Amino acid sequence: MVHRFNTLENSFSIGSSHSLDPLTKLKTRFSNNGKVAVLCQHEWRPKSLVTLSAEYDPKSIMAPSRVGLALALKP
């Protein structure tokens, strides 16, 4: 939960995290302004991660949804 003093607005998010298998995690987040976010993270080598994320805002019709791909490598 977040409270902004300059605009006197409150906002909150609720999320979940699920382990699909020992190497894969799925996370979701829903906020009170309608945004939905999903993240899927897979450890394909020890300490090396591939992440796919997406965010959708149904109130913003003209703006496209966000999609991201990240690769984190550790020796």
N, C-alpha and C. Protein backbone atom coordinates (compact mmCIF):
# COMPACT_ATOMS: atom_id res chain seq x y z
N MET A 1 0.85 -1.16 0.00
CA MET A 1 0.00 0.00 0.00
C MET A 1 0.89 1.23 0.00
N VAL A 2 0.52 2.21 -0.80
CA VAL A 2 1.29 3.45 -0.93
C VAL A 2 0.35 4.63 -0.72
N HIS A 3 0.80 5.62 0.05
CA HIS A 3 0.06 6.87 0.22
C HIS A 3 0.94 8.00 -0.27
N ARG A 4 0.43 8.82 -1.19
CA ARG A 4 1.17 9.97 -1.70
C ARG A 4 0.62 11.22 -1.01
N PHE A 5 1.50 11.90 -0.27
CA PHE A 5 1.08 13.07 0.49
C PHE A 5 0.76 14.27 -0.40
N ASN A 6 1.49 14.42 -1.51
CA ASN A 6 1.27 15.61 -2.35
C ASN A 6 -0.07 15.56 -3.09
N THR A 7 -0.58 14.35 -3.41
CA THR A 7 -1.87 14.25 -4.09
C THR A 7 -2.95 13.63 -3.20
N LEU A 8 -2.58 13.20 -2.01
CA LEU A 8 -3.49 12.57 -1.06
C LEU A 8 -4.21 11.35 -1.65
N GLU A 9 -3.46 10.56 -2.44
CA GLU A 9 -4.01 9.35 -3.05
C GLU A 9 -3.44 8.11 -2.39
N ASN A 10 -4.27 7.10 -2.29
CA ASN A 10 -3.83 5.79 -1.82
C ASN A 10 -3.88 4.81 -2.99
N SER A 11 -2.92 3.90 -3.03
CA SER A 11 -2.95 2.84 -4.02
C SER A 11 -2.42 1.57 -3.38
N PHE A 12 -2.83 0.45 -3.94
CA PHE A 12 -2.35 -0.82 -3.40
C PHE A 12 -2.23 -1.84 -4.52
N SER A 13 -1.41 -2.83 -4.28
CA SER A 13 -1.22 -3.94 -5.21
C SER A 13 -1.27 -5.24 -4.44
N ILE A 14 -1.71 -6.28 -5.12
CA ILE A 14 -1.70 -7.61 -4.53
C ILE A 14 -1.02 -8.52 -5.55
N GLY A 15 -0.19 -9.42 -5.06
CA GLY A 15 0.54 -10.28 -5.97
C GLY A 15 0.67 -11.68 -5.45
N SER A 16 1.17 -12.54 -6.32
CA SER A 16 1.40 -13.93 -5.94
C SER A 16 2.66 -14.43 -6.61
N SER A 17 3.23 -15.47 -6.04
CA SER A 17 4.43 -16.09 -6.58
C SER A 17 4.25 -17.60 -6.50
N HIS A 18 4.47 -18.27 -7.61
CA HIS A 18 4.31 -19.72 -7.67
C HIS A 18 5.58 -20.34 -8.26
N SER A 19 6.00 -21.43 -7.70
CA SER A 19 7.13 -22.18 -8.22
C SER A 19 6.58 -23.31 -9.09
N LEU A 20 6.78 -23.20 -10.41
CA LEU A 20 6.28 -24.22 -11.32
C LEU A 20 7.11 -25.49 -11.24
N ASP A 21 8.41 -25.34 -11.11
CA ASP A 21 9.34 -26.43 -10.85
C ASP A 21 10.53 -25.81 -10.11
N PRO A 22 11.52 -26.60 -9.70
CA PRO A 22 12.62 -26.01 -8.91
C PRO A 22 13.40 -24.90 -9.63
N LEU A 23 13.27 -24.81 -10.94
CA LEU A 23 14.03 -23.81 -11.70
C LEU A 23 13.18 -22.69 -12.28
N THR A 24 11.86 -22.74 -12.16
CA THR A 24 10.97 -21.77 -12.80
C THR A 24 10.01 -21.16 -11.80
N LYS A 25 9.91 -19.82 -11.83
CA LYS A 25 8.97 -19.09 -10.98
C LYS A 25 8.02 -18.28 -11.85
N LEU A 26 6.79 -18.18 -11.39
CA LEU A 26 5.77 -17.37 -12.05
C LEU A 26 5.21 -16.39 -11.02
N LYS A 27 5.26 -15.10 -11.35
CA LYS A 27 4.76 -14.07 -10.44
C LYS A 27 3.69 -13.25 -11.14
N THR A 28 2.66 -12.86 -10.39
CA THR A 28 1.60 -12.01 -10.91
C THR A 28 1.36 -10.85 -9.96
N ARG A 29 0.86 -9.75 -10.51
CA ARG A 29 0.55 -8.58 -9.69
C ARG A 29 -0.67 -7.87 -10.28
N PHE A 30 -1.60 -7.51 -9.40
CA PHE A 30 -2.80 -6.77 -9.77
C PHE A 30 -2.85 -5.51 -8.91
N SER A 31 -3.12 -4.36 -9.52
CA SER A 31 -3.19 -3.11 -8.75
C SER A 31 -4.61 -2.55 -8.82
N ASN A 32 -4.90 -1.63 -7.91
CA ASN A 32 -6.26 -1.08 -7.84
C ASN A 32 -6.60 -0.18 -9.02
N ASN A 33 -5.62 0.28 -9.79
CA ASN A 33 -5.92 1.11 -10.96
C ASN A 33 -6.10 0.26 -12.22
N GLY A 34 -6.12 -1.06 -12.09
CA GLY A 34 -6.44 -1.93 -13.21
C GLY A 34 -5.25 -2.58 -13.89
N LYS A 35 -4.05 -2.24 -13.52
CA LYS A 35 -2.88 -2.82 -14.18
C LYS A 35 -2.68 -4.27 -13.75
N VAL A 36 -2.28 -5.08 -14.72
CA VAL A 36 -1.99 -6.50 -14.49
C VAL A 36 -0.57 -6.75 -15.00
N ALA A 37 0.24 -7.43 -14.19
CA ALA A 37 1.61 -7.74 -14.58
C ALA A 37 1.91 -9.21 -14.33
N VAL A 38 2.69 -9.80 -15.24
CA VAL A 38 3.08 -11.21 -15.14
C VAL A 38 4.58 -11.30 -15.40
N LEU A 39 5.25 -12.17 -14.63
CA LEU A 39 6.68 -12.39 -14.80
C LEU A 39 6.95 -13.88 -14.71
N CYS A 40 7.72 -14.39 -15.66
CA CYS A 40 8.13 -15.79 -15.66
C CYS A 40 9.65 -15.82 -15.69
N GLN A 41 10.26 -16.47 -14.71
CA GLN A 41 11.72 -16.47 -14.57
C GLN A 41 12.21 -17.91 -14.51
N HIS A 42 13.20 -18.22 -15.35
CA HIS A 42 13.73 -19.58 -15.42
C HIS A 42 15.25 -19.54 -15.24
N GLU A 43 15.75 -20.40 -14.37
CA GLU A 43 17.19 -20.52 -14.14
C GLU A 43 17.71 -21.63 -15.05
N TRP A 44 18.33 -21.25 -16.17
CA TRP A 44 18.74 -22.25 -17.14
C TRP A 44 20.14 -22.78 -16.88
N ARG A 45 20.95 -22.08 -16.13
CA ARG A 45 22.24 -22.55 -15.62
C ARG A 45 22.33 -22.04 -14.19
N PRO A 46 23.23 -22.60 -13.37
CA PRO A 46 23.33 -22.09 -12.00
C PRO A 46 23.60 -20.59 -11.97
N LYS A 47 22.74 -19.85 -11.30
CA LYS A 47 22.81 -18.39 -11.13
C LYS A 47 22.64 -17.60 -12.43
N SER A 48 22.18 -18.20 -13.51
CA SER A 48 21.90 -17.50 -14.76
C SER A 48 20.41 -17.58 -15.04
N LEU A 49 19.79 -16.43 -15.25
CA LEU A 49 18.33 -16.36 -15.35
C LEU A 49 17.86 -15.79 -16.69
N VAL A 50 16.77 -16.32 -17.18
CA VAL A 50 16.05 -15.77 -18.32
C VAL A 50 14.69 -15.34 -17.78
N THR A 51 14.32 -14.08 -18.04
CA THR A 51 13.07 -13.53 -17.50
C THR A 51 12.23 -12.96 -18.63
N LEU A 52 10.95 -13.30 -18.64
CA LEU A 52 9.98 -12.75 -19.57
C LEU A 52 8.90 -12.07 -18.74
N SER A 53 8.62 -10.80 -19.04
CA SER A 53 7.62 -10.07 -18.26
C SER A 53 6.66 -9.34 -19.19
N ALA A 54 5.47 -9.09 -18.68
CA ALA A 54 4.46 -8.36 -19.45
C ALA A 54 3.59 -7.57 -18.48
N GLU A 55 3.11 -6.40 -18.96
CA GLU A 55 2.22 -5.56 -18.16
C GLU A 55 1.13 -5.02 -19.08
N TYR A 56 -0.09 -5.04 -18.60
CA TYR A 56 -1.25 -4.58 -19.36
C TYR A 56 -2.04 -3.58 -18.54
N ASP A 57 -2.37 -2.45 -19.17
CA ASP A 57 -3.18 -1.42 -18.52
C ASP A 57 -4.44 -1.21 -19.36
N PRO A 58 -5.58 -1.72 -18.93
CA PRO A 58 -6.79 -1.60 -19.75
C PRO A 58 -7.33 -0.17 -19.84
N LYS A 59 -6.95 0.70 -18.93
CA LYS A 59 -7.44 2.08 -18.99
C LYS A 59 -6.70 2.92 -20.03
N SER A 60 -5.51 2.52 -20.39
CA SER A 60 -4.71 3.26 -21.37
C SER A 60 -4.85 2.57 -22.73
N ILE A 61 -5.86 2.97 -23.48
CA ILE A 61 -6.16 2.31 -24.75
C ILE A 61 -5.11 2.63 -25.82
N MET A 62 -4.64 3.86 -25.86
CA MET A 62 -3.69 4.27 -26.90
C MET A 62 -2.28 3.76 -26.65
N ALA A 63 -1.90 3.54 -25.42
CA ALA A 63 -0.56 3.06 -25.11
C ALA A 63 -0.50 1.54 -25.25
N PRO A 64 0.56 1.03 -25.87
CA PRO A 64 0.65 -0.42 -26.01
C PRO A 64 1.02 -1.11 -24.70
N SER A 65 0.76 -2.39 -24.63
CA SER A 65 1.17 -3.17 -23.47
C SER A 65 2.69 -3.28 -23.45
N ARG A 66 3.24 -3.51 -22.29
CA ARG A 66 4.69 -3.64 -22.15
C ARG A 66 5.07 -5.12 -22.11
N VAL A 67 6.12 -5.45 -22.83
CA VAL A 67 6.66 -6.81 -22.82
C VAL A 67 8.17 -6.69 -22.72
N GLY A 68 8.77 -7.53 -21.88
CA GLY A 68 10.21 -7.45 -21.70
C GLY A 68 10.85 -8.82 -21.64
N LEU A 69 12.11 -8.87 -22.05
CA LEU A 69 12.91 -10.07 -22.00
C LEU A 69 14.26 -9.69 -21.40
N ALA A 70 14.69 -10.42 -20.38
CA ALA A 70 15.95 -10.11 -19.72
C ALA A 70 16.78 -11.38 -19.58
N LEU A 71 18.08 -11.21 -19.65
CA LEU A 71 19.02 -12.30 -19.49
C LEU A 71 20.08 -11.86 -18.48
N ALA A 72 20.21 -12.59 -17.40
CA ALA A 72 21.19 -12.27 -16.36
C ALA A 72 22.17 -13.43 -16.25
N LEU A 73 23.43 -13.16 -16.56
CA LEU A 73 24.46 -14.19 -16.55
C LEU A 73 25.43 -13.95 -15.41
N LYS A 74 25.76 -15.01 -14.69
CA LYS A 74 26.75 -14.93 -13.63
C LYS A 74 27.75 -16.07 -13.83
N PRO A 75 29.02 -15.80 -13.65
CA PRO A 75 30.02 -16.86 -13.88
C PRO A 75 29.99 -17.94 -12.81
